[in-house]
């Protein structure tokens, strides 16, 4: 871990003691370190800490108002026209059905 890694926060107030890291992937391990900077711009790192995100426990209860509990790529998103319960469902074509392909001619 070095100063070249992704910064997730910057604080000028020494009274700030918490930070929430968002946009993490489910089941991934993340490593954290706090750097303090003195008036001469000398950086001092803390010990490294790690944490692993965990999936939602079963039974899964999600009204699917958003995909923040899911890792979705491509065209996947929330559709409201096919929900079983709640307000939405996870669909690979959330804006509607795929276009009907043209009929082949002979």
C-alpha atoms as a PDB file:
ATOM      1  CA  UNK A   1       0.000   0.000   0.000  1.00  0.00           C
ATOM      2  CA  UNK A   2       1.381   3.396  -0.963  1.00  0.00           C
ATOM      3  CA  UNK A   3       0.407   6.988  -1.591  1.00  0.00           C
ATOM      4  CA  UNK A   4      -0.268   5.973  -5.220  1.00  0.00           C
ATOM      5  CA  UNK A   5      -3.287   3.874  -4.127  1.00  0.00           C
ATOM      6  CA  UNK A   6      -6.856   5.156  -4.315  1.00  0.00           C
ATOM      7  CA  UNK A   7      -7.707   7.842  -1.775  1.00  0.00           C
ATOM      8  CA  UNK A   8     -11.201   7.439  -0.328  1.00  0.00           C
ATOM      9  CA  UNK A   9     -11.196  10.434   1.992  1.00  0.00           C
ATOM     10  CA  UNK A  10      -9.394  13.602   2.967  1.00  0.00           C
ATOM     11  CA  UNK A  11      -9.947  15.359   6.286  1.00  0.00           C
ATOM     12  CA  UNK A  12      -8.611  18.610   7.694  1.00  0.00           C
ATOM     13  CA  UNK A  13     -10.526  18.219  10.987  1.00  0.00           C
ATOM     14  CA  UNK A  14      -8.704  15.853  13.412  1.00  0.00           C
ATOM     15  CA  UNK A  15     -12.050  15.271  15.136  1.00  0.00           C
ATOM     16  CA  UNK A  16     -13.356  13.254  12.167  1.00  0.00           C
ATOM     17  CA  UNK A  17     -12.960   9.591  13.126  1.00  0.00           C
ATOM     18  CA  UNK A  18     -15.238   7.705  10.702  1.00  0.00           C
ATOM     19  CA  UNK A  19     -15.549   7.160   6.971  1.00  0.00           C
ATOM     20  CA  UNK A  20     -17.859   4.983   4.883  1.00  0.00           C
ATOM     21  CA  UNK A  21     -16.353   3.448   1.750  1.00  0.00           C
ATOM     22  CA  UNK A  22     -19.037   2.988  -0.935  1.00  0.00           C
ATOM     23  CA  UNK A  23     -19.226   1.245  -4.292  1.00  0.00           C
ATOM     24  CA  UNK A  24     -17.503  -1.928  -3.070  1.00  0.00           C
ATOM     25  CA  UNK A  25     -17.856  -5.358  -4.701  1.00  0.00           C
ATOM     26  CA  UNK A  26     -19.478  -8.252  -2.834  1.00  0.00           C
ATOM     27  CA  UNK A  27     -16.970 -10.831  -1.552  1.00  0.00           C
ATOM     28  CA  UNK A  28     -13.893  -8.669  -2.207  1.00  0.00           C
ATOM     29  CA  UNK A  29     -11.113  -7.904   0.275  1.00  0.00           C
ATOM     30  CA  UNK A  30     -10.098  -4.271   0.723  1.00  0.00           C
ATOM     31  CA  UNK A  31      -6.992  -2.939   2.466  1.00  0.00           C
ATOM     32  CA  UNK A  32      -6.926   0.374   4.340  1.00  0.00           C
ATOM     33  CA  UNK A  33      -4.304   2.656   5.814  1.00  0.00           C
ATOM     34  CA  UNK A  34      -4.563   6.160   7.262  1.00  0.00           C
ATOM     35  CA  UNK A  35      -1.885   8.699   6.425  1.00  0.00           C
ATOM     36  CA  UNK A  36      -1.294  11.740   8.592  1.00  0.00           C
ATOM     37  CA  UNK A  37       0.467  14.757   7.137  1.00  0.00           C
ATOM     38  CA  UNK A  38       2.410  17.321   9.141  1.00  0.00           C
ATOM     39  CA  UNK A  39       2.988  20.986   8.293  1.00  0.00           C
ATOM     40  CA  UNK A  40       6.132  20.034   6.329  1.00  0.00           C
ATOM     41  CA  UNK A  41       4.064  17.685   4.107  1.00  0.00           C
ATOM     42  CA  UNK A  42       5.668  14.582   5.647  1.00  0.00           C
ATOM     43  CA  UNK A  43       3.326  11.585   5.389  1.00  0.00           C
ATOM     44  CA  UNK A  44       3.171   9.001   8.182  1.00  0.00           C
ATOM     45  CA  UNK A  45       1.163   5.789   7.527  1.00  0.00           C
ATOM     46  CA  UNK A  46      -0.827   3.817  10.079  1.00  0.00           C
ATOM     47  CA  UNK A  47      -0.805   0.032  10.286  1.00  0.00           C
ATOM     48  CA  UNK A  48      -2.653  -1.642   7.428  1.00  0.00           C
ATOM     49  CA  UNK A  49      -6.113  -3.091   8.099  1.00  0.00           C
ATOM     50  CA  UNK A  50      -8.241  -5.226   5.811  1.00  0.00           C
ATOM     51  CA  UNK A  51     -11.877  -6.189   5.553  1.00  0.00           C
ATOM     52  CA  UNK A  52     -13.882  -8.461   3.263  1.00  0.00           C
ATOM     53  CA  UNK A  53     -17.381  -7.560   2.168  1.00  0.00           C
ATOM     54  CA  UNK A  54     -19.953 -10.303   2.611  1.00  0.00           C
ATOM     55  CA  UNK A  55     -23.059 -11.199   0.646  1.00  0.00           C
ATOM     56  CA  UNK A  56     -26.524 -10.473   1.969  1.00  0.00           C
ATOM     57  CA  UNK A  57     -27.672 -13.210   4.362  1.00  0.00           C
ATOM     58  CA  UNK A  58     -30.482 -15.543   3.352  1.00  0.00           C
ATOM     59  CA  UNK A  59     -33.385 -15.312   3.124  1.00  0.00           C
ATOM     60  CA  UNK A  60     -32.780 -12.445   0.742  1.00  0.00           C
ATOM     61  CA  UNK A  61     -35.229  -9.597   1.169  1.00  0.00           C
ATOM     62  CA  UNK A  62     -34.749  -6.806  -1.343  1.00  0.00           C
ATOM     63  CA  UNK A  63     -37.517  -4.694  -2.864  1.00  0.00           C
ATOM     64  CA  UNK A  64     -35.118  -3.960  -5.757  1.00  0.00           C
ATOM     65  CA  UNK A  65     -35.525  -0.212  -5.671  1.00  0.00           C
ATOM     66  CA  UNK A  66     -31.811   0.007  -6.613  1.00  0.00           C
ATOM     67  CA  UNK A  67     -28.917  -2.323  -7.485  1.00  0.00           C
ATOM     68  CA  UNK A  68     -26.726  -1.279  -4.529  1.00  0.00           C
ATOM     69  CA  UNK A  69     -26.858  -4.840  -3.086  1.00  0.00           C
ATOM     70  CA  UNK A  70     -25.886  -6.407  -6.432  1.00  0.00           C
ATOM     71  CA  UNK A  71     -22.857  -6.565  -8.677  1.00  0.00           C
ATOM     72  CA  UNK A  72     -24.358  -5.854 -12.078  1.00  0.00           C
ATOM     73  CA  UNK A  73     -22.602  -5.364 -15.386  1.00  0.00           C
ATOM     74  CA  UNK A  74     -23.724  -4.864 -18.950  1.00  0.00           C
ATOM     75  CA  UNK A  75     -27.384  -4.027 -19.492  1.00  0.00           C
ATOM     76  CA  UNK A  76     -28.648  -5.502 -16.186  1.00  0.00           C
ATOM     77  CA  UNK A  77     -30.818  -3.160 -14.147  1.00  0.00           C
ATOM     78  CA  UNK A  78     -34.092  -2.694 -12.281  1.00  0.00           C
ATOM     79  CA  UNK A  79     -37.328  -3.257 -14.198  1.00  0.00           C
ATOM     80  CA  UNK A  80     -40.727  -2.403 -12.727  1.00  0.00           C
ATOM     81  CA  UNK A  81     -42.947  -4.281 -15.177  1.00  0.00           C
ATOM     82  CA  UNK A  82     -42.148  -7.818 -13.976  1.00  0.00           C
ATOM     83  CA  UNK A  83     -41.857  -7.556 -10.209  1.00  0.00           C
ATOM     84  CA  UNK A  84     -43.204 -10.510  -8.223  1.00  0.00           C
ATOM     85  CA  UNK A  85     -43.306  -8.509  -5.002  1.00  0.00           C
ATOM     86  CA  UNK A  86     -41.722  -5.218  -4.048  1.00  0.00           C
ATOM     87  CA  UNK A  87     -41.284  -2.448  -6.561  1.00  0.00           C
ATOM     88  CA  UNK A  88     -38.924  -4.003  -9.097  1.00  0.00           C
ATOM     89  CA  UNK A  89     -37.044  -7.001 -10.404  1.00  0.00           C
ATOM     90  CA  UNK A  90     -33.518  -7.532 -11.712  1.00  0.00           C
ATOM     91  CA  UNK A  91     -33.618  -7.905 -15.501  1.00  0.00           C
ATOM     92  CA  UNK A  92     -31.155  -8.145 -18.379  1.00  0.00           C
ATOM     93  CA  UNK A  93     -33.420  -5.818 -20.408  1.00  0.00           C
ATOM     94  CA  UNK A  94     -34.850  -3.397 -17.821  1.00  0.00           C
ATOM     95  CA  UNK A  95     -36.235  -0.923 -20.374  1.00  0.00           C
ATOM     96  CA  UNK A  96     -38.397  -3.474 -22.208  1.00  0.00           C
ATOM     97  CA  UNK A  97     -38.313  -6.534 -24.390  1.00  0.00           C
ATOM     98  CA  UNK A  98     -35.634  -7.077 -26.997  1.00  0.00           C
ATOM     99  CA  UNK A  99     -36.573  -6.000 -30.517  1.00  0.00           C
ATOM    100  CA  UNK A 100     -38.068  -8.754 -32.671  1.00  0.00           C
ATOM    101  CA  UNK A 101     -35.515  -9.813 -35.275  1.00  0.00           C
ATOM    102  CA  UNK A 102     -36.566  -9.411 -38.917  1.00  0.00           C
ATOM    103  CA  UNK A 103     -38.163 -12.423 -40.599  1.00  0.00           C
ATOM    104  CA  UNK A 104     -35.686 -14.047 -43.008  1.00  0.00           C
ATOM    105  CA  UNK A 105     -36.676 -13.956 -46.695  1.00  0.00           C
ATOM    106  CA  UNK A 106     -36.178 -16.826 -49.107  1.00  0.00           C
END
